[in-house]
Structure formats: structure tokens, C-alpha cells
Amino acid sequence: MLSIRNVSRAAVLALAMGVVVPASAQEITQSHIDAALDALRASPASRSYDDLLPAVAEQVKSQLILMRPDLHSQISATVDTVVLALVPRRNDLDNDVARVWAKGFTEDELVTIATFYESPAGQKFNRIGPTVISDAFQVAENWAKRVREELLEKTREALKQEGVEF
């Protein structure tokens, strides 16, 4: 199920990969949108949206089952059938996200991004990038904890020299 925590992680990952960008006032042509779609589909960002529709289906099931628990099986089967008809709507999401990318990147930049993700280094980044980024966040968190402790101790020592006791 898609949670706030997972969405937050996805947002942090997207930021770390330079995916979330400010919109600009540039004109967006169809070839620009096409380049954005190519870049989006080549990047790991596109896969981060794969769980949205199944998560929405689970939410709808839960909502309806809470209202009619006696129809649990029928509700589940019906939602599963109806959600399959909505799968093509994923293209709407991709197009909307591509417009965001097109607002943030020039067409040439999008071609460069797609080229990178299709390269051996880009494919490796797709495979191990999330682990590397997660490990890097953990390292940063541990560093901040150590520095906080050192800062606290040194500040207490400095204040003690000024006659302040804790």
C-alpha cells in the first residue's frame, strides 16, 4: 500500500536524482513532450508511479468493505475487474508528469537524460541507485548524530568556562 512515508521517500529520491525541478516559462512543443516521455520512461522515476493504481484499488476495496463487510469477496473481485479497465489511464499520468519534466528541462537536456539512463552507467544507476542513495542518507544521518553530540559537548565545555553549569 502506498503510504505517506513511501511517497516521502520517493520525493526525496526524486530530488536526489534531480527529477523534481522548478517550472519555467519556456514554450512546450510536442517534440519537447516526446523527449520528456523518453527521459521519464528511461529513468527510475517512471517506475515509482507503478504502485499508484494498485494502491488506489486497495484503498477503494478497504473503503467499500468497511461499509459492507458482508460483501468482501464480491467487492474485491469487482474492484479488481474495474481497475483493469483503468490501466490505460497510466498514460495520462505519464503525459502529465512529462509536462512537468518539459517545464523544468529543455528538450536537449531531456535527450541527454534519456541517453544517460539508456547507457550502461544509467542502467546501473537504475539498478543500484536507490540503494546507494539510501545508504548515503544513512551515512549523513549518522554523521549528523556524531556532530550533534560533539557540538553539544563542546558547547557545554565552553559555557562551563564562562561559568554556566548544566
C-alpha atoms as a PDB file:
ATOM      1  CA  MET A   1       0.000   0.000   0.000  1.00  0.00           C
ATOM      2  CA  LEU A   2       1.261   3.482  -0.839  1.00  0.00           C
ATOM      3  CA  SER A   3       1.926   5.425   2.327  1.00  0.00           C
ATOM      4  CA  ILE A   4       2.974   8.962   3.146  1.00  0.00           C
ATOM      5  CA  ARG A   5       6.369   7.536   4.127  1.00  0.00           C
ATOM      6  CA  ASN A   6       6.786   5.844   0.744  1.00  0.00           C
ATOM      7  CA  VAL A   7       5.675   8.984  -1.072  1.00  0.00           C
ATOM      8  CA  SER A   8       8.164  10.994   1.013  1.00  0.00           C
ATOM      9  CA  ARG A   9      10.938   8.540   0.203  1.00  0.00           C
ATOM     10  CA  ALA A  10      10.043   8.727  -3.473  1.00  0.00           C
ATOM     11  CA  ALA A  11      10.110  12.513  -3.332  1.00  0.00           C
ATOM     12  CA  VAL A  12      13.490  12.519  -1.604  1.00  0.00           C
ATOM     13  CA  LEU A  13      14.811  10.037  -4.153  1.00  0.00           C
ATOM     14  CA  ALA A  14      13.460  12.141  -6.987  1.00  0.00           C
ATOM     15  CA  LEU A  15      15.081  15.237  -5.525  1.00  0.00           C
ATOM     16  CA  ALA A  16      18.363  13.406  -5.119  1.00  0.00           C
ATOM     17  CA  MET A  17      18.224  12.364  -8.759  1.00  0.00           C
ATOM     18  CA  GLY A  18      17.393  15.883  -9.904  1.00  0.00           C
ATOM     19  CA  VAL A  19      13.971  14.857 -11.103  1.00  0.00           C
ATOM     20  CA  VAL A  20      11.872  17.442  -9.301  1.00  0.00           C
ATOM     21  CA  VAL A  21      12.586  20.772 -10.900  1.00  0.00           C
ATOM     22  CA  PRO A  22      11.094  24.239 -10.880  1.00  0.00           C
ATOM     23  CA  ALA A  23       8.810  25.097 -13.753  1.00  0.00           C
ATOM     24  CA  SER A  24       9.983  27.604 -16.310  1.00  0.00           C
ATOM     25  CA  ALA A  25       8.153  29.786 -18.788  1.00  0.00           C
ATOM     26  CA  GLN A  26       9.527  28.053 -21.895  1.00  0.00           C
ATOM     27  CA  GLU A  27       7.228  27.014 -24.736  1.00  0.00           C
ATOM     28  CA  ILE A  28       6.481  23.297 -24.759  1.00  0.00           C
ATOM     29  CA  THR A  29       6.211  21.628 -28.159  1.00  0.00           C
ATOM     30  CA  GLN A  30       5.097  18.083 -28.918  1.00  0.00           C
ATOM     31  CA  SER A  31       8.702  17.073 -29.598  1.00  0.00           C
ATOM     32  CA  HIS A  32       9.593  18.513 -26.186  1.00  0.00           C
ATOM     33  CA  ILE A  33       6.859  16.397 -24.555  1.00  0.00           C
ATOM     34  CA  ASP A  34       8.076  13.358 -26.513  1.00  0.00           C
ATOM     35  CA  ALA A  35      11.621  13.936 -25.267  1.00  0.00           C
ATOM     36  CA  ALA A  36      10.266  14.274 -21.723  1.00  0.00           C
ATOM     37  CA  LEU A  37       8.358  10.988 -22.096  1.00  0.00           C
ATOM     38  CA  ASP A  38      11.517   9.268 -23.348  1.00  0.00           C
ATOM     39  CA  ALA A  39      13.525  10.610 -20.403  1.00  0.00           C
ATOM     40  CA  LEU A  40      10.796   9.734 -17.922  1.00  0.00           C
ATOM     41  CA  ARG A  41      10.392   6.188 -19.221  1.00  0.00           C
ATOM     42  CA  ALA A  42      14.159   5.630 -19.259  1.00  0.00           C
ATOM     43  CA  SER A  43      14.551   6.870 -15.688  1.00  0.00           C
ATOM     44  CA  PRO A  44      13.668   5.098 -12.443  1.00  0.00           C
ATOM     45  CA  ALA A  45      11.165   7.865 -11.689  1.00  0.00           C
ATOM     46  CA  SER A  46       8.589   6.310 -14.002  1.00  0.00           C
ATOM     47  CA  ARG A  47       8.639   3.060 -12.066  1.00  0.00           C
ATOM     48  CA  SER A  48       7.986   4.952  -8.844  1.00  0.00           C
ATOM     49  CA  TYR A  49       4.439   5.518 -10.126  1.00  0.00           C
ATOM     50  CA  ASP A  50       3.770   1.844 -10.868  1.00  0.00           C
ATOM     51  CA  ASP A  51       2.294   1.199  -7.435  1.00  0.00           C
ATOM     52  CA  LEU A  52      -0.191   4.079  -7.514  1.00  0.00           C
ATOM     53  CA  LEU A  53      -3.101   2.333  -9.241  1.00  0.00           C
ATOM     54  CA  PRO A  54      -2.826  -0.872  -7.162  1.00  0.00           C
ATOM     55  CA  ALA A  55      -2.648   1.277  -4.014  1.00  0.00           C
ATOM     56  CA  VAL A  56      -5.733   3.226  -5.052  1.00  0.00           C
ATOM     57  CA  ALA A  57      -7.546  -0.065  -5.728  1.00  0.00           C
ATOM     58  CA  GLU A  58      -6.658  -1.328  -2.243  1.00  0.00           C
ATOM     59  CA  GLN A  59      -7.914   1.914  -0.721  1.00  0.00           C
ATOM     60  CA  VAL A  60     -11.219   1.621  -2.577  1.00  0.00           C
ATOM     61  CA  LYS A  61     -11.570  -2.026  -1.519  1.00  0.00           C
ATOM     62  CA  SER A  62     -10.954  -1.096   2.114  1.00  0.00           C
ATOM     63  CA  GLN A  63     -13.401   1.788   1.975  1.00  0.00           C
ATOM     64  CA  LEU A  64     -16.175  -0.311   0.459  1.00  0.00           C
ATOM     65  CA  ILE A  65     -15.515  -3.343   2.661  1.00  0.00           C
ATOM     66  CA  LEU A  66     -15.767  -1.136   5.760  1.00  0.00           C
ATOM     67  CA  MET A  67     -19.244  -0.142   4.585  1.00  0.00           C
ATOM     68  CA  ARG A  68     -20.271  -3.674   3.568  1.00  0.00           C
ATOM     69  CA  PRO A  69     -18.022  -6.311   5.153  1.00  0.00           C
ATOM     70  CA  ASP A  70     -20.524  -9.000   4.183  1.00  0.00           C
ATOM     71  CA  LEU A  71     -19.628  -8.385   0.521  1.00  0.00           C
ATOM     72  CA  HIS A  72     -15.851  -8.661   0.971  1.00  0.00           C
ATOM     73  CA  SER A  73     -15.294 -11.183  -1.823  1.00  0.00           C
ATOM     74  CA  GLN A  74     -17.648  -9.539  -4.280  1.00  0.00           C
ATOM     75  CA  ILE A  75     -16.190  -6.078  -3.612  1.00  0.00           C
ATOM     76  CA  SER A  76     -12.632  -7.336  -4.051  1.00  0.00           C
ATOM     77  CA  ALA A  77     -13.430  -9.111  -7.306  1.00  0.00           C
ATOM     78  CA  THR A  78     -15.359  -6.149  -8.689  1.00  0.00           C
ATOM     79  CA  VAL A  79     -12.647  -3.623  -7.811  1.00  0.00           C
ATOM     80  CA  ASP A  80     -10.056  -5.920  -9.424  1.00  0.00           C
ATOM     81  CA  THR A  81     -12.130  -6.060 -12.609  1.00  0.00           C
ATOM     82  CA  VAL A  82     -12.826  -2.332 -12.730  1.00  0.00           C
ATOM     83  CA  VAL A  83      -9.214  -1.367 -12.004  1.00  0.00           C
ATOM     84  CA  LEU A  84      -8.029  -3.377 -15.005  1.00  0.00           C
ATOM     85  CA  ALA A  85     -10.134  -1.122 -17.208  1.00  0.00           C
ATOM     86  CA  LEU A  86      -8.316   1.885 -15.720  1.00  0.00           C
ATOM     87  CA  VAL A  87      -4.801   0.627 -16.514  1.00  0.00           C
ATOM     88  CA  PRO A  88      -4.661   2.616 -19.800  1.00  0.00           C
ATOM     89  CA  ARG A  89      -5.122   5.779 -17.714  1.00  0.00           C
ATOM     90  CA  ARG A  90      -1.461   5.358 -16.720  1.00  0.00           C
ATOM     91  CA  ASN A  91      -0.655   7.118 -19.999  1.00  0.00           C
ATOM     92  CA  ASP A  92      -2.445  10.193 -18.643  1.00  0.00           C
ATOM     93  CA  LEU A  93      -0.149  10.169 -15.618  1.00  0.00           C
ATOM     94  CA  ASP A  94       2.948   9.734 -17.770  1.00  0.00           C
ATOM     95  CA  ASN A  95       1.870  12.616 -20.031  1.00  0.00           C
ATOM     96  CA  ASP A  96       1.151  14.887 -17.062  1.00  0.00           C
ATOM     97  CA  VAL A  97       4.491  14.072 -15.441  1.00  0.00           C
ATOM     98  CA  ALA A  98       6.244  14.537 -18.784  1.00  0.00           C
ATOM     99  CA  ARG A  99       4.792  18.053 -18.949  1.00  0.00           C
ATOM    100  CA  VAL A 100       6.345  18.776 -15.548  1.00  0.00           C
ATOM    101  CA  TRP A 101       9.692  17.493 -16.801  1.00  0.00           C
ATOM    102  CA  ALA A 102       9.323  19.521 -20.007  1.00  0.00           C
ATOM    103  CA  LYS A 103       8.734  22.665 -17.955  1.00  0.00           C
ATOM    104  CA  GLY A 104      11.900  22.017 -15.975  1.00  0.00           C
ATOM    105  CA  PHE A 105      14.267  20.825 -18.697  1.00  0.00           C
ATOM    106  CA  THR A 106      14.973  21.890 -22.251  1.00  0.00           C
ATOM    107  CA  GLU A 107      14.375  19.376 -24.996  1.00  0.00           C
ATOM    108  CA  ASP A 108      18.131  18.888 -25.413  1.00  0.00           C
ATOM    109  CA  GLU A 109      18.537  18.272 -21.673  1.00  0.00           C
ATOM    110  CA  LEU A 110      15.786  15.658 -21.780  1.00  0.00           C
ATOM    111  CA  VAL A 111      17.517  13.879 -24.664  1.00  0.00           C
ATOM    112  CA  THR A 112      20.725  13.895 -22.601  1.00  0.00           C
ATOM    113  CA  ILE A 113      18.871  12.492 -19.571  1.00  0.00           C
ATOM    114  CA  ALA A 114      17.294   9.698 -21.639  1.00  0.00           C
ATOM    115  CA  THR A 115      20.661   8.924 -23.215  1.00  0.00           C
ATOM    116  CA  PHE A 116      22.248   8.674 -19.785  1.00  0.00           C
ATOM    117  CA  TYR A 117      19.605   6.307 -18.424  1.00  0.00           C
ATOM    118  CA  GLU A 118      19.889   4.128 -21.529  1.00  0.00           C
ATOM    119  CA  SER A 119      23.702   3.948 -21.178  1.00  0.00           C
ATOM    120  CA  PRO A 120      25.431   1.194 -19.159  1.00  0.00           C
ATOM    121  CA  ALA A 121      26.104   3.684 -16.330  1.00  0.00           C
ATOM    122  CA  GLY A 122      22.472   4.823 -16.387  1.00  0.00           C
ATOM    123  CA  GLN A 123      21.211   1.243 -16.325  1.00  0.00           C
ATOM    124  CA  LYS A 124      23.483   0.524 -13.378  1.00  0.00           C
ATOM    125  CA  PHE A 125      22.187   3.660 -11.663  1.00  0.00           C
ATOM    126  CA  ASN A 126      18.642   2.396 -12.228  1.00  0.00           C
ATOM    127  CA  ARG A 127      19.556  -0.917 -10.577  1.00  0.00           C
ATOM    128  CA  ILE A 128      21.601   0.230  -7.603  1.00  0.00           C
ATOM    129  CA  GLY A 129      20.884   3.970  -7.354  1.00  0.00           C
ATOM    130  CA  PRO A 130      18.114   3.655  -4.752  1.00  0.00           C
ATOM    131  CA  THR A 131      20.360   1.521  -2.509  1.00  0.00           C
ATOM    132  CA  VAL A 132      23.292   3.898  -2.914  1.00  0.00           C
ATOM    133  CA  ILE A 133      21.084   6.905  -2.163  1.00  0.00           C
ATOM    134  CA  SER A 134      19.529   5.178   0.854  1.00  0.00           C
ATOM    135  CA  ASP A 135      22.976   4.238   2.166  1.00  0.00           C
ATOM    136  CA  ALA A 136      24.165   7.816   1.619  1.00  0.00           C
ATOM    137  CA  PHE A 137      21.207   9.166   3.608  1.00  0.00           C
ATOM    138  CA  GLN A 138      22.068   6.756   6.432  1.00  0.00           C
ATOM    139  CA  VAL A 139      25.705   7.919   6.388  1.00  0.00           C
ATOM    140  CA  ALA A 140      24.549  11.559   6.509  1.00  0.00           C
ATOM    141  CA  GLU A 141      22.186  10.785   9.373  1.00  0.00           C
ATOM    142  CA  ASN A 142      24.959   9.071  11.354  1.00  0.00           C
ATOM    143  CA  TRP A 143      27.349  11.954  10.653  1.00  0.00           C
ATOM    144  CA  ALA A 144      24.775  14.479  11.871  1.00  0.00           C
ATOM    145  CA  LYS A 145      24.281  12.462  15.065  1.00  0.00           C
ATOM    146  CA  ARG A 146      28.041  12.381  15.752  1.00  0.00           C
ATOM    147  CA  VAL A 147      28.455  16.088  15.012  1.00  0.00           C
ATOM    148  CA  ARG A 148      25.444  16.931  17.185  1.00  0.00           C
ATOM    149  CA  GLU A 149      26.967  15.057  20.112  1.00  0.00           C
ATOM    150  CA  GLU A 150      30.337  16.752  19.580  1.00  0.00           C
ATOM    151  CA  LEU A 151      28.696  20.175  19.249  1.00  0.00           C
ATOM    152  CA  LEU A 152      26.689  19.628  22.406  1.00  0.00           C
ATOM    153  CA  GLU A 153      29.754  18.550  24.390  1.00  0.00           C
ATOM    154  CA  LYS A 154      31.977  21.379  23.129  1.00  0.00           C
ATOM    155  CA  THR A 155      29.254  23.953  23.729  1.00  0.00           C
ATOM    156  CA  ARG A 156      28.739  22.677  27.286  1.00  0.00           C
ATOM    157  CA  GLU A 157      32.520  22.900  27.887  1.00  0.00           C
ATOM    158  CA  ALA A 158      32.643  26.450  26.504  1.00  0.00           C
ATOM    159  CA  LEU A 159      29.693  27.501  28.618  1.00  0.00           C
ATOM    160  CA  LYS A 160      31.277  25.872  31.666  1.00  0.00           C
ATOM    161  CA  GLN A 161      34.366  28.058  31.121  1.00  0.00           C
ATOM    162  CA  GLU A 162      32.002  31.028  31.124  1.00  0.00           C
ATOM    163  CA  GLY A 163      30.584  29.914  34.475  1.00  0.00           C
ATOM    164  CA  VAL A 164      27.406  28.277  33.195  1.00  0.00           C
ATOM    165  CA  GLU A 165      26.645  24.790  34.579  1.00  0.00           C
ATOM    166  CA  PHE A 166      24.221  22.259  33.145  1.00  0.00           C
END
